[in-house]
N, C-alpha and C. Protein backbone atom coordinates (compact mmCIF):
# COMPACT_ATOMS: atom_id res chain seq x y z
N UNK A 1 9.12 -8.50 21.33
CA UNK A 1 10.56 -8.35 19.41
C UNK A 1 9.41 -7.84 18.50
N UNK A 2 9.14 -7.02 17.62
CA UNK A 2 8.62 -6.40 16.69
C UNK A 2 7.91 -6.83 15.63
N UNK A 3 7.42 -6.72 15.99
CA UNK A 3 6.79 -7.76 14.03
C UNK A 3 6.72 -7.68 13.47
N UNK A 4 7.22 -7.67 12.10
CA UNK A 4 6.89 -7.36 10.93
C UNK A 4 6.24 -8.34 9.69
N UNK A 5 5.71 -7.57 8.53
CA UNK A 5 5.21 -8.13 8.11
C UNK A 5 6.22 -8.18 6.12
N UNK A 6 6.02 -9.27 5.96
CA UNK A 6 7.04 -8.63 4.42
C UNK A 6 6.24 -8.98 3.60
N UNK A 7 5.91 -8.21 2.52
CA UNK A 7 5.44 -8.72 1.76
C UNK A 7 5.97 -7.93 -0.11
N UNK A 8 5.67 -9.09 -1.04
CA UNK A 8 6.36 -8.67 -2.47
C UNK A 8 5.64 -9.14 -3.04
N UNK A 9 5.07 -8.06 -4.03
CA UNK A 9 4.49 -8.80 -5.49
C UNK A 9 4.56 -8.49 -7.22
N UNK A 10 4.80 -9.56 -7.65
CA UNK A 10 5.34 -9.38 -9.09
C UNK A 10 5.27 -9.79 -9.62
N UNK A 11 4.35 -9.53 -11.10
CA UNK A 11 3.22 -10.21 -12.09
C UNK A 11 3.61 -10.14 -13.44
N UNK A 12 3.48 -10.06 -14.54
CA UNK A 12 3.79 -8.90 -15.66
C UNK A 12 2.05 -9.05 -16.27
N UNK A 13 1.33 -8.69 -15.07
CA UNK A 13 -0.61 -8.52 -16.23
C UNK A 13 0.48 -6.94 -16.12
N UNK A 14 -1.03 -6.97 -17.09
CA UNK A 14 -1.75 -5.37 -18.22
C UNK A 14 -2.18 -4.30 -16.66
N UNK A 15 -2.38 -3.50 -17.26
CA UNK A 15 -2.39 -2.39 -16.37
C UNK A 15 -4.03 -2.46 -16.69
N UNK A 16 -4.53 -2.19 -15.54
CA UNK A 16 -5.86 -2.24 -16.11
C UNK A 16 -6.34 -0.27 -16.25
N UNK A 17 -7.47 0.32 -17.37
CA UNK A 17 -7.35 1.13 -16.92
C UNK A 17 -9.02 1.58 -16.62
N UNK A 18 -9.30 1.79 -15.46
CA UNK A 18 -10.29 1.95 -14.50
C UNK A 18 -9.98 3.06 -14.01
N UNK A 19 -10.77 4.09 -13.96
CA UNK A 19 -10.46 5.14 -13.11
C UNK A 19 -10.92 5.32 -11.72
N UNK A 20 -10.42 6.05 -10.61
CA UNK A 20 -11.91 5.84 -8.81
C UNK A 20 -11.95 7.56 -9.69
N UNK A 21 -13.44 6.67 -8.49
CA UNK A 21 -14.76 7.72 -8.41
C UNK A 21 -15.18 8.32 -7.59
N UNK A 22 -14.70 9.71 -6.73
CA UNK A 22 -14.94 9.87 -5.31
C UNK A 22 -15.56 10.89 -4.76
N UNK A 23 -16.93 11.25 -6.20
CA UNK A 23 -18.10 12.32 -5.94
C UNK A 23 -19.33 11.80 -5.05
N UNK A 24 -18.39 9.98 -4.64
CA UNK A 24 -19.96 9.23 -3.60
C UNK A 24 -19.59 9.46 -2.83
N UNK A 25 -17.51 10.22 -2.47
CA UNK A 25 -17.75 10.34 -0.53
C UNK A 25 -18.08 11.33 -0.07
N UNK A 26 -18.16 11.30 1.37
CA UNK A 26 -18.14 12.08 2.24
C UNK A 26 -17.64 12.88 1.80
N UNK A 27 -17.76 14.15 2.20
CA UNK A 27 -15.75 15.54 2.00
C UNK A 27 -15.30 14.82 3.76
N UNK A 28 -15.58 14.97 4.61
CA UNK A 28 -15.01 15.29 5.65
C UNK A 28 -14.12 13.49 5.56
N UNK A 29 -14.94 12.61 5.28
CA UNK A 29 -13.79 11.57 4.99
C UNK A 29 -12.72 11.91 3.86
N UNK A 30 -13.13 11.75 2.78
CA UNK A 30 -11.73 12.73 2.08
C UNK A 30 -10.84 13.28 2.56
N UNK A 31 -11.40 14.59 3.23
CA UNK A 31 -9.83 15.08 4.30
C UNK A 31 -9.41 14.39 5.03
N UNK A 32 -10.07 13.32 6.10
CA UNK A 32 -9.75 12.45 7.33
C UNK A 32 -8.39 11.71 6.26
N UNK A 33 -9.07 10.82 4.89
CA UNK A 33 -8.01 9.95 4.67
C UNK A 33 -7.15 10.58 4.14
N UNK A 34 -7.35 12.23 3.78
CA UNK A 34 -5.50 12.50 3.19
C UNK A 34 -5.12 13.03 3.90
N UNK A 35 -4.25 11.98 4.86
CA UNK A 35 -3.30 12.35 5.86
C UNK A 35 -2.16 12.92 4.62
N UNK A 36 -1.92 12.57 3.77
CA UNK A 36 -0.49 12.72 3.45
C UNK A 36 -0.36 14.20 2.23
N UNK A 37 -1.62 15.01 2.63
CA UNK A 37 -1.73 15.92 2.25
C UNK A 37 -0.68 17.47 1.88
N UNK A 38 -0.14 17.09 2.99
CA UNK A 38 0.90 17.98 3.25
C UNK A 38 1.84 17.82 3.59
N UNK A 39 2.12 16.92 3.50
CA UNK A 39 3.43 16.25 2.85
C UNK A 39 4.88 16.42 2.07
N UNK A 40 5.06 17.93 1.43
CA UNK A 40 5.78 18.06 1.05
C UNK A 40 6.96 17.33 -0.03
N UNK A 41 7.58 15.82 1.31
CA UNK A 41 8.48 15.26 0.33
C UNK A 41 8.00 14.26 -0.38
N UNK A 42 6.57 13.99 -0.15
CA UNK A 42 6.14 12.99 -1.51
C UNK A 42 5.29 13.78 -2.71
N UNK A 43 5.50 13.00 -3.74
CA UNK A 43 5.02 13.15 -4.58
C UNK A 43 3.87 13.50 -4.99
N UNK A 44 2.96 13.54 -5.92
CA UNK A 44 1.54 13.50 -6.18
C UNK A 44 0.78 12.12 -6.09
N UNK A 45 2.02 11.64 -6.90
CA UNK A 45 1.24 10.04 -6.71
C UNK A 45 1.45 9.36 -5.32
N UNK A 46 2.51 9.56 -5.00
CA UNK A 46 2.06 7.98 -3.02
C UNK A 46 1.66 9.36 -2.36
N UNK A 47 1.38 10.43 -2.39
CA UNK A 47 -0.04 10.80 -1.75
C UNK A 47 -1.48 10.08 -2.25
N UNK A 48 -1.48 9.84 -3.88
CA UNK A 48 -2.18 9.00 -3.70
C UNK A 48 -2.73 8.10 -3.57
N UNK A 49 -1.40 7.19 -3.10
CA UNK A 49 -1.51 5.58 -2.50
C UNK A 49 -1.89 5.73 -1.35
N UNK A 50 -1.66 6.80 -0.51
CA UNK A 50 -1.80 6.42 0.75
C UNK A 50 -2.90 7.52 1.12
N UNK A 51 -3.52 7.66 -0.04
CA UNK A 51 -5.11 8.12 0.70
C UNK A 51 -5.38 7.22 0.28
N UNK A 52 -5.80 6.35 -0.72
CA UNK A 52 -6.42 5.61 -1.53
C UNK A 52 -6.41 3.93 -0.48
N UNK A 53 -5.82 3.92 0.66
CA UNK A 53 -5.41 2.91 0.90
C UNK A 53 -6.25 3.39 2.42
N UNK A 54 -5.79 4.56 3.05
CA UNK A 54 -7.15 4.86 3.70
C UNK A 54 -8.14 4.85 3.56
N UNK A 55 -8.35 5.30 2.27
CA UNK A 55 -10.30 5.04 2.01
C UNK A 55 -10.79 3.50 2.24
N UNK A 56 -9.85 2.31 1.85
CA UNK A 56 -9.94 1.22 2.04
C UNK A 56 -10.72 0.58 3.55
N UNK A 57 -9.56 1.50 4.80
CA UNK A 57 -9.54 1.15 6.04
C UNK A 57 -10.15 1.80 6.51
N UNK A 58 -11.10 2.96 6.29
CA UNK A 58 -11.77 3.60 6.80
C UNK A 58 -12.92 3.72 6.81
N UNK A 59 -13.48 2.80 5.48
CA UNK A 59 -15.20 2.92 4.79
C UNK A 59 -14.63 1.45 3.96
N UNK A 60 -14.05 0.10 3.74
CA UNK A 60 -14.20 -0.92 3.44
C UNK A 60 -15.65 -1.19 2.50
N UNK A 61 -16.92 -0.65 2.60
CA UNK A 61 -18.06 -1.21 1.94
C UNK A 61 -18.10 -0.15 0.93
N UNK A 62 -17.91 0.95 1.07
CA UNK A 62 -17.67 1.84 0.18
C UNK A 62 -16.51 1.63 -0.64
N UNK A 63 -15.76 1.58 -0.40
CA UNK A 63 -14.31 1.68 -0.78
C UNK A 63 -14.46 0.61 -2.05
N UNK A 64 -15.48 -0.57 -1.72
CA UNK A 64 -15.94 -1.83 -2.68
C UNK A 64 -16.84 -1.21 -3.94
N UNK A 65 -17.15 -0.49 -3.73
CA UNK A 65 -18.28 -0.14 -3.87
C UNK A 65 -18.38 0.69 -5.29
N UNK A 66 -17.30 1.88 -4.95
CA UNK A 66 -17.08 3.01 -5.84
C UNK A 66 -15.68 2.85 -6.52
N UNK A 67 -14.27 2.28 -6.09
CA UNK A 67 -13.15 1.92 -6.41
C UNK A 67 -13.02 0.38 -6.98
N UNK A 68 -13.04 -0.95 -5.86
CA UNK A 68 -13.06 -1.83 -6.18
C UNK A 68 -13.48 -2.56 -6.92
N UNK A 69 -14.65 -2.54 -6.62
CA UNK A 69 -16.30 -2.79 -7.79
C UNK A 69 -15.71 -3.04 -8.90
N UNK A 70 -15.61 -1.88 -8.98
CA UNK A 70 -15.01 -1.58 -10.95
C UNK A 70 -13.93 -2.54 -11.05
N UNK A 71 -13.23 -1.65 -11.01
CA UNK A 71 -11.82 -2.34 -11.30
C UNK A 71 -11.79 -3.67 -11.62
N UNK A 72 -12.15 -4.37 -9.92
CA UNK A 72 -12.32 -6.20 -10.64
C UNK A 72 -13.06 -6.49 -11.92
N UNK A 73 -14.59 -5.95 -11.87
CA UNK A 73 -14.87 -5.94 -12.77
C UNK A 73 -14.36 -6.32 -14.63
N UNK A 74 -13.20 -5.13 -14.16
CA UNK A 74 -12.03 -5.71 -15.30
C UNK A 74 -11.62 -6.79 -15.43
N UNK A 75 -11.96 -7.87 -14.55
CA UNK A 75 -10.27 -8.69 -14.44
C UNK A 75 -11.41 -10.46 -14.18
N UNK A 76 -11.73 -11.42 -14.27
CA UNK A 76 -11.52 -12.89 -14.34
C UNK A 76 -12.35 -12.95 -13.21
N UNK A 77 -12.91 -13.04 -12.49
CA UNK A 77 -13.11 -13.99 -11.55
C UNK A 77 -12.57 -14.81 -10.62
N UNK A 78 -11.64 -14.74 -9.50
CA UNK A 78 -11.16 -15.91 -9.31
C UNK A 78 -11.46 -15.64 -7.29
N UNK A 79 -10.63 -16.56 -6.35
CA UNK A 79 -9.78 -16.57 -4.91
C UNK A 79 -10.00 -15.67 -4.55
N UNK A 80 -8.92 -14.98 -5.01
CA UNK A 80 -8.20 -13.71 -4.37
C UNK A 80 -9.72 -12.35 -4.86
N UNK A 81 -9.84 -12.08 -5.97
CA UNK A 81 -10.86 -11.59 -6.27
C UNK A 81 -12.07 -11.82 -5.02
N UNK A 82 -12.17 -12.84 -4.72
CA UNK A 82 -13.49 -12.76 -4.65
C UNK A 82 -13.69 -13.03 -2.55
N UNK A 83 -11.99 -13.28 -2.37
CA UNK A 83 -11.91 -12.69 -0.53
C UNK A 83 -11.68 -11.57 -0.71
N UNK A 84 -11.33 -10.83 -1.50
CA UNK A 84 -10.80 -9.15 -1.11
C UNK A 84 -12.16 -8.62 -0.97
N UNK A 85 -13.04 -8.81 -1.83
CA UNK A 85 -14.26 -8.67 -1.67
C UNK A 85 -15.28 -8.70 -0.49
N UNK A 86 -15.04 -9.56 0.05
CA UNK A 86 -15.56 -10.56 1.49
C UNK A 86 -15.00 -9.13 2.26
N UNK A 87 -13.46 -9.08 2.11
CA UNK A 87 -12.67 -8.24 2.61
C UNK A 87 -13.37 -7.24 3.48
N UNK A 88 -13.55 -6.79 1.92
CA UNK A 88 -13.97 -4.53 2.31
C UNK A 88 -15.23 -4.42 2.24
N UNK A 89 -16.16 -6.02 2.17
CA UNK A 89 -16.96 -5.82 3.12
C UNK A 89 -17.53 -5.40 4.93
N UNK A 90 -16.54 -6.78 5.10
CA UNK A 90 -15.81 -6.40 5.92
C UNK A 90 -15.39 -5.38 6.56
N UNK A 91 -14.70 -4.80 6.24
CA UNK A 91 -13.74 -3.93 7.39
C UNK A 91 -14.47 -2.16 7.02
N UNK A 92 -14.09 -1.93 8.91
CA UNK A 92 -15.11 -0.35 8.62
C UNK A 92 -14.70 -0.20 9.62
N UNK A 93 -14.27 1.26 9.85
CA UNK A 93 -13.44 1.83 10.92
C UNK A 93 -12.36 1.68 11.43
N UNK A 94 -11.73 1.98 10.91
CA UNK A 94 -10.19 1.77 10.59
C UNK A 94 -9.25 2.87 10.77
N UNK A 95 -8.68 3.08 11.85
CA UNK A 95 -7.32 4.61 11.87
C UNK A 95 -6.74 5.00 10.14
N UNK A 96 -6.95 5.58 9.63
CA UNK A 96 -6.05 6.14 8.57
C UNK A 96 -4.82 6.33 8.86
N UNK A 97 -3.77 5.64 7.98
CA UNK A 97 -2.40 5.87 8.17
C UNK A 97 -2.06 7.41 8.77
N UNK A 98 -0.90 7.79 8.75
CA UNK A 98 -0.42 8.86 9.28
C UNK A 98 0.67 8.82 8.30
N UNK A 99 1.27 10.33 7.66
CA UNK A 99 2.52 10.06 6.72
C UNK A 99 3.26 9.94 7.86
N UNK A 100 5.03 9.37 7.48
CA UNK A 100 5.67 9.46 8.25
C UNK A 100 7.13 9.64 8.02
N UNK A 101 8.19 10.84 7.92
CA UNK A 101 9.05 11.03 7.17
C UNK A 101 10.17 10.11 7.93
N UNK A 102 10.51 9.09 8.88
CA UNK A 102 11.64 8.46 8.63
C UNK A 102 10.98 7.08 7.40
N UNK A 103 10.02 6.72 7.90
CA UNK A 103 9.23 5.20 7.09
C UNK A 103 9.68 5.88 5.62
N UNK A 104 9.38 7.04 5.01
CA UNK A 104 8.77 7.40 3.72
C UNK A 104 11.12 7.21 3.33
N UNK A 105 11.70 8.21 4.15
CA UNK A 105 13.34 8.05 3.61
C UNK A 105 13.55 6.27 3.11
N UNK A 106 13.15 5.62 4.77
CA UNK A 106 13.67 4.05 4.67
C UNK A 106 12.94 2.68 2.99
N UNK A 107 11.32 3.55 3.04
CA UNK A 107 10.90 3.35 1.69
C UNK A 107 11.82 3.19 0.58
N UNK A 108 12.23 5.08 0.42
CA UNK A 108 12.67 6.20 -0.64
C UNK A 108 14.26 5.19 -1.04
N UNK A 109 14.87 5.05 0.31
CA UNK A 109 15.62 4.08 -0.17
C UNK A 109 15.97 2.79 -0.67
N UNK A 110 15.13 2.23 -0.10
CA UNK A 110 15.22 0.31 -0.64
C UNK A 110 14.62 0.91 -2.07
N UNK A 111 13.46 1.74 -2.29
CA UNK A 111 13.36 1.26 -3.59
C UNK A 111 14.11 2.12 -4.91
N UNK A 112 14.89 2.99 -4.41
CA UNK A 112 16.49 3.48 -5.33
C UNK A 112 17.09 2.38 -5.71
N UNK A 113 17.57 1.88 -4.56
CA UNK A 113 18.01 0.60 -4.53
C UNK A 113 17.71 -0.45 -5.25
N UNK A 114 16.74 -0.72 -4.98
CA UNK A 114 16.17 -2.19 -5.57
C UNK A 114 16.38 -1.38 -7.44
N UNK A 115 15.78 -0.30 -7.94
CA UNK A 115 15.27 0.05 -8.76
C UNK A 115 16.54 0.30 -10.23
N UNK A 116 17.95 1.00 -9.45
CA UNK A 116 19.25 1.35 -9.82
C UNK A 116 19.42 -0.43 -10.59
N UNK A 117 19.68 -1.22 -9.12
CA UNK A 117 19.96 -2.25 -9.51
C UNK A 117 18.73 -3.79 -10.07
N UNK A 118 17.95 -3.12 -10.39
CA UNK A 118 17.21 -4.56 -11.35
C UNK A 118 16.83 -5.27 -10.00
N UNK A 119 16.36 -5.50 -9.03
CA UNK A 119 16.54 -6.37 -7.89
C UNK A 119 15.05 -6.66 -6.99
N UNK A 120 15.09 -7.56 -7.28
CA UNK A 120 12.98 -7.38 -5.94
C UNK A 120 12.77 -7.28 -5.38
N UNK A 121 12.62 -8.00 -4.33
CA UNK A 121 12.38 -8.35 -2.55
C UNK A 121 12.39 -7.08 -1.15
N UNK A 122 13.08 -8.05 -0.24
CA UNK A 122 12.95 -8.05 0.96
C UNK A 122 14.88 -7.07 1.52
N UNK A 123 15.60 -7.27 0.21
CA UNK A 123 16.94 -8.14 0.81
C UNK A 123 17.25 -6.96 2.26
N UNK A 124 17.78 -7.49 2.56
CA UNK A 124 18.57 -6.08 4.26
C UNK A 124 17.88 -6.18 5.18
N UNK A 125 15.92 -6.82 4.93
CA UNK A 125 15.02 -6.25 5.61
C UNK A 125 16.19 -5.88 7.14
N UNK A 126 15.78 -7.15 7.62
CA UNK A 126 16.06 -6.92 9.35
C UNK A 126 17.40 -5.70 9.33
N UNK A 127 18.44 -6.06 8.64
CA UNK A 127 19.49 -4.59 8.32
C UNK A 127 19.95 -3.14 8.26
N UNK A 128 18.05 -3.11 7.27
CA UNK A 128 17.48 -1.90 6.90
C UNK A 128 16.52 -1.16 8.65
N UNK A 129 15.63 -2.59 9.09
CA UNK A 129 15.12 -2.24 9.42
C UNK A 129 15.88 -1.46 11.25
N UNK A 130 17.38 -2.15 11.09
CA UNK A 130 17.54 -2.07 12.71
C UNK A 130 17.65 -1.20 12.97
N UNK A 131 17.41 0.49 12.75
CA UNK A 131 17.94 2.24 13.23
C UNK A 131 16.77 2.69 14.07
N UNK A 132 15.49 1.45 13.58
CA UNK A 132 14.13 1.98 13.83
C UNK A 132 13.46 0.79 14.95
N UNK A 133 14.15 0.18 14.00
CA UNK A 133 13.14 -1.38 15.33
C UNK A 133 13.08 -1.29 16.92
N UNK A 134 13.50 0.32 17.35
CA UNK A 134 13.20 0.51 18.93
C UNK A 134 12.05 1.57 19.26
N UNK A 135 11.74 2.04 17.42
CA UNK A 135 11.40 3.44 17.52
C UNK A 135 9.20 2.87 17.14
N UNK A 136 8.95 2.15 16.94
CA UNK A 136 7.87 1.43 16.33
C UNK A 136 7.65 -0.18 17.20
N UNK A 137 6.51 0.02 17.46
CA UNK A 137 6.15 -1.84 18.34
C UNK A 137 6.15 -2.64 16.66
N UNK A 138 5.47 -2.44 15.19
CA UNK A 138 5.68 -3.11 14.70
C UNK A 138 5.79 -2.59 13.51
N UNK A 139 6.53 -3.08 12.53
CA UNK A 139 7.39 -2.86 11.07
C UNK A 139 6.53 -3.76 10.24
N UNK A 140 6.32 -3.12 8.94
CA UNK A 140 5.82 -3.83 8.12
C UNK A 140 6.48 -3.06 7.02
N UNK A 141 7.04 -4.54 5.47
CA UNK A 141 7.37 -3.59 4.45
C UNK A 141 6.34 -3.95 2.61
N UNK A 142 5.72 -3.24 2.18
CA UNK A 142 4.78 -4.19 0.76
C UNK A 142 5.68 -3.63 -0.13
N UNK A 143 6.12 -4.18 -1.00
CA UNK A 143 6.80 -4.47 -2.66
C UNK A 143 5.86 -4.70 -3.65
N UNK A 144 5.89 -3.10 -4.75
CA UNK A 144 5.32 -3.91 -5.76
C UNK A 144 6.14 -3.59 -7.22
N UNK A 145 5.76 -4.38 -7.93
CA UNK A 145 6.74 -3.82 -9.05
C UNK A 145 6.00 -4.14 -10.93
N UNK A 146 6.24 -2.89 -11.10
CA UNK A 146 6.15 -3.28 -12.17
C UNK A 146 5.21 -1.98 -13.33
N UNK A 147 3.96 -0.53 -11.80
CA UNK A 147 3.73 0.27 -11.97
C UNK A 147 3.47 1.57 -11.01
N UNK A 148 2.75 2.45 -11.81
CA UNK A 148 3.29 4.18 -10.99
C UNK A 148 2.13 4.46 -10.68
N UNK A 149 1.14 3.58 -11.16
CA UNK A 149 -0.07 4.47 -11.10
C UNK A 149 -0.60 4.12 -10.06
N UNK A 150 -1.21 4.64 -8.66
CA UNK A 150 -2.09 4.56 -7.41
C UNK A 150 -2.86 3.73 -7.37
N UNK A 151 -3.46 3.71 -8.18
CA UNK A 151 -4.86 3.31 -8.81
C UNK A 151 -4.46 1.58 -8.34
N UNK A 152 -3.78 1.10 -9.43
CA UNK A 152 -2.89 0.17 -10.27
C UNK A 152 -2.03 -0.34 -8.87
N UNK A 153 -1.35 0.30 -8.28
CA UNK A 153 -0.69 -0.28 -7.17
C UNK A 153 -1.17 -1.01 -6.28
N UNK A 154 -2.31 0.03 -5.38
CA UNK A 154 -3.03 0.16 -4.15
C UNK A 154 -3.98 -1.19 -4.81
N UNK A 155 -4.26 -1.44 -5.94
CA UNK A 155 -5.58 -2.59 -6.00
C UNK A 155 -4.70 -4.03 -5.85
N UNK A 156 -3.58 -4.14 -7.13
CA UNK A 156 -2.38 -4.96 -6.70
C UNK A 156 -2.03 -6.03 -5.35
N UNK A 157 -1.94 -4.42 -5.09
CA UNK A 157 -1.90 -5.68 -3.48
C UNK A 157 -2.78 -5.80 -2.24
N UNK A 158 -4.09 -4.21 -2.31
CA UNK A 158 -5.11 -5.97 -1.93
C UNK A 158 -5.58 -6.94 -2.57
N UNK A 159 -5.32 -6.99 -3.94
CA UNK A 159 -6.12 -8.49 -4.38
C UNK A 159 -5.14 -9.85 -3.72
N UNK A 160 -3.46 -9.19 -4.28
CA UNK A 160 -2.86 -10.19 -3.19
C UNK A 160 -2.68 -11.99 -4.23
N UNK A 161 -2.67 -11.83 -5.79
CA UNK A 161 -3.03 -12.38 -6.31
C UNK A 161 -2.12 -13.59 -6.32
N UNK A 162 -1.57 -14.88 -6.04
CA UNK A 162 -0.42 -16.05 -5.85
C UNK A 162 -0.02 -15.69 -4.70
N UNK A 163 -0.85 -13.93 -4.24
CA UNK A 163 -0.19 -14.63 -2.49
C UNK A 163 -0.80 -15.20 -1.15
N UNK A 164 -1.47 -16.79 -0.84
CA UNK A 164 -2.68 -17.70 -0.41
C UNK A 164 -2.38 -16.51 1.33
N UNK A 165 -1.90 -15.79 1.67
CA UNK A 165 -1.60 -15.63 3.00
C UNK A 165 -2.32 -13.76 2.84
N UNK A 166 -2.54 -13.25 1.69
CA UNK A 166 -2.67 -11.84 1.98
C UNK A 166 -1.80 -11.47 2.31
N UNK A 167 -0.61 -11.16 2.47
CA UNK A 167 0.48 -10.83 2.85
C UNK A 167 0.48 -9.12 3.30
N UNK A 168 0.69 -8.79 1.95
CA UNK A 168 0.14 -7.08 1.46
C UNK A 168 -0.98 -6.96 1.91
N UNK A 169 -2.12 -7.13 1.33
CA UNK A 169 -3.45 -7.05 1.94
C UNK A 169 -3.71 -6.63 3.22
N UNK A 170 -3.16 -7.40 4.21
CA UNK A 170 -2.93 -7.39 6.01
C UNK A 170 -1.77 -6.35 6.15
N UNK A 171 -1.03 -6.11 5.93
CA UNK A 171 -0.43 -4.81 6.27
C UNK A 171 -1.05 -3.84 5.82
N UNK A 172 -1.94 -2.91 4.42
CA UNK A 172 -3.00 -1.91 4.06
C UNK A 172 -3.86 -2.51 5.17
N UNK A 173 -4.77 -3.04 5.95
CA UNK A 173 -5.44 -3.29 6.25
C UNK A 173 -5.75 -3.94 8.29
N UNK A 174 -4.30 -3.97 8.44
CA UNK A 174 -3.66 -3.88 10.12
C UNK A 174 -3.78 -3.13 10.88
N UNK A 175 -4.70 -3.38 11.96
CA UNK A 175 -4.98 -2.55 12.49
C UNK A 175 -4.21 -1.98 13.99
N UNK A 176 -2.50 -2.72 13.63
CA UNK A 176 -1.52 -2.25 14.41
C UNK A 176 -0.79 -1.50 13.62
N UNK A 177 -1.09 -0.89 12.77
CA UNK A 177 -0.25 0.41 11.30
C UNK A 177 -0.69 1.44 11.89
N UNK A 178 -0.12 2.72 12.56
CA UNK A 178 -1.00 3.74 12.47
C UNK A 178 -0.31 4.89 11.04
N UNK A 179 1.51 4.42 11.13
CA UNK A 179 2.79 4.86 10.46
C UNK A 179 2.85 5.23 8.81
N UNK A 180 3.00 5.10 7.99
CA UNK A 180 3.11 4.88 6.47
C UNK A 180 4.16 5.28 6.49
N UNK A 181 5.34 5.17 4.76
CA UNK A 181 6.02 5.47 3.99
C UNK A 181 6.16 5.17 2.54
N UNK A 182 5.60 6.22 2.24
CA UNK A 182 5.62 5.15 0.01
C UNK A 182 6.77 5.46 -0.27
N UNK A 183 7.19 5.47 -1.62
CA UNK A 183 7.78 5.72 -2.37
C UNK A 183 7.73 4.72 -3.26
N UNK A 184 7.92 6.34 -4.42
CA UNK A 184 8.05 5.45 -5.72
C UNK A 184 8.47 5.68 -6.94
N UNK A 185 9.68 4.31 -7.43
CA UNK A 185 10.77 5.39 -7.96
C UNK A 185 10.97 3.83 -9.65
N UNK A 186 11.67 4.58 -10.41
CA UNK A 186 12.02 4.19 -11.49
C UNK A 186 12.98 2.73 -11.11
N UNK A 187 11.76 1.75 -12.09
CA UNK A 187 12.87 0.05 -11.80
C UNK A 187 13.74 -0.06 -13.14
N UNK A 188 14.72 -0.25 -13.64
CA UNK A 188 15.82 -0.68 -14.58
C UNK A 188 14.64 -1.93 -15.30
N UNK A 189 14.41 -2.67 -14.57
CA UNK A 189 13.72 -4.47 -14.80
C UNK A 189 12.37 -3.95 -15.37
N UNK A 190 12.32 -3.80 -14.41
CA UNK A 190 10.66 -3.76 -14.29
C UNK A 190 9.16 -2.54 -14.88
N UNK A 191 10.77 -1.60 -15.00
CA UNK A 191 10.20 -0.02 -15.13
C UNK A 191 9.68 1.37 -14.23
N UNK A 192 9.12 0.76 -13.30
CA UNK A 192 8.54 1.53 -11.95
C UNK A 192 8.04 -0.44 -10.38
N UNK A 193 8.69 0.71 -9.40
CA UNK A 193 8.58 0.08 -8.18
C UNK A 193 8.15 1.10 -7.14
N UNK A 194 7.65 -0.23 -6.58
CA UNK A 194 6.58 1.04 -5.22
C UNK A 194 6.50 0.45 -4.28
N UNK A 195 7.71 1.32 -3.06
CA UNK A 195 7.52 0.29 -1.49
C UNK A 195 6.78 1.28 -0.49
N UNK A 196 6.35 0.32 -0.21
CA UNK A 196 5.83 1.14 1.76
C UNK A 196 6.45 0.42 2.70
N UNK A 197 5.89 1.31 3.25
CA UNK A 197 6.92 0.90 4.57
C UNK A 197 6.17 1.61 6.12
N UNK A 198 5.09 1.05 6.72
CA UNK A 198 4.55 0.39 8.11
C UNK A 198 4.90 0.40 8.85
N UNK A 199 4.35 1.44 10.09
CA UNK A 199 4.84 1.52 11.68
C UNK A 199 4.12 1.53 12.25
N UNK A 200 3.69 1.01 13.63
CA UNK A 200 3.18 0.42 14.60
C UNK A 200 3.70 1.56 15.54
N UNK A 201 3.19 1.93 16.62
CA UNK A 201 2.78 2.69 17.81
C UNK A 201 4.20 3.13 17.90
N UNK A 202 4.59 3.87 18.17
CA UNK A 202 6.10 4.55 18.03
C UNK A 202 5.53 4.19 19.99
N UNK A 203 7.66 4.08 20.38
CA UNK A 203 7.63 4.09 21.95
C UNK A 203 8.30 5.11 22.09
């Protein structure tokens, strides 16, 4: 049976004006993590979301010191931010997620539909995954609402505030997931929504 991780984040927080500085990163790591570079069907922001998630997977300690720490410095420390700090410092050597056109199309379809109708969540998840459930050994979905900025999206999902099981974070840092599809679309109620579809090993 296919394992699935479903996570949604929706808050009325204010976007933090912190940008990521990648100058401290090794060129080879930046290239290795930039798996979406040649995916012409993705927007620049969608590619950036994947790039940032892959940096966290490949070298959590460096991601923390160069990207997460400046972002978290603008926030009030709490159990969620502290647990993320501890998790990133222990995360190292995960394989970068590879772009997948099938997963992208599923993410795009869901993001478009939720945006059009002003809805949130994982509506009809099992039905939407049915056409591909026998193609991957595991599947997962993250949904984020209110922002289009890649850094804000990725950090919100990694912090996972309000989610004691850290479902978003676990999906991003899940060793079982190999493939990713990301879509950022306008949302009629929350301005923007981002859907991430994860897939494990292909059968």
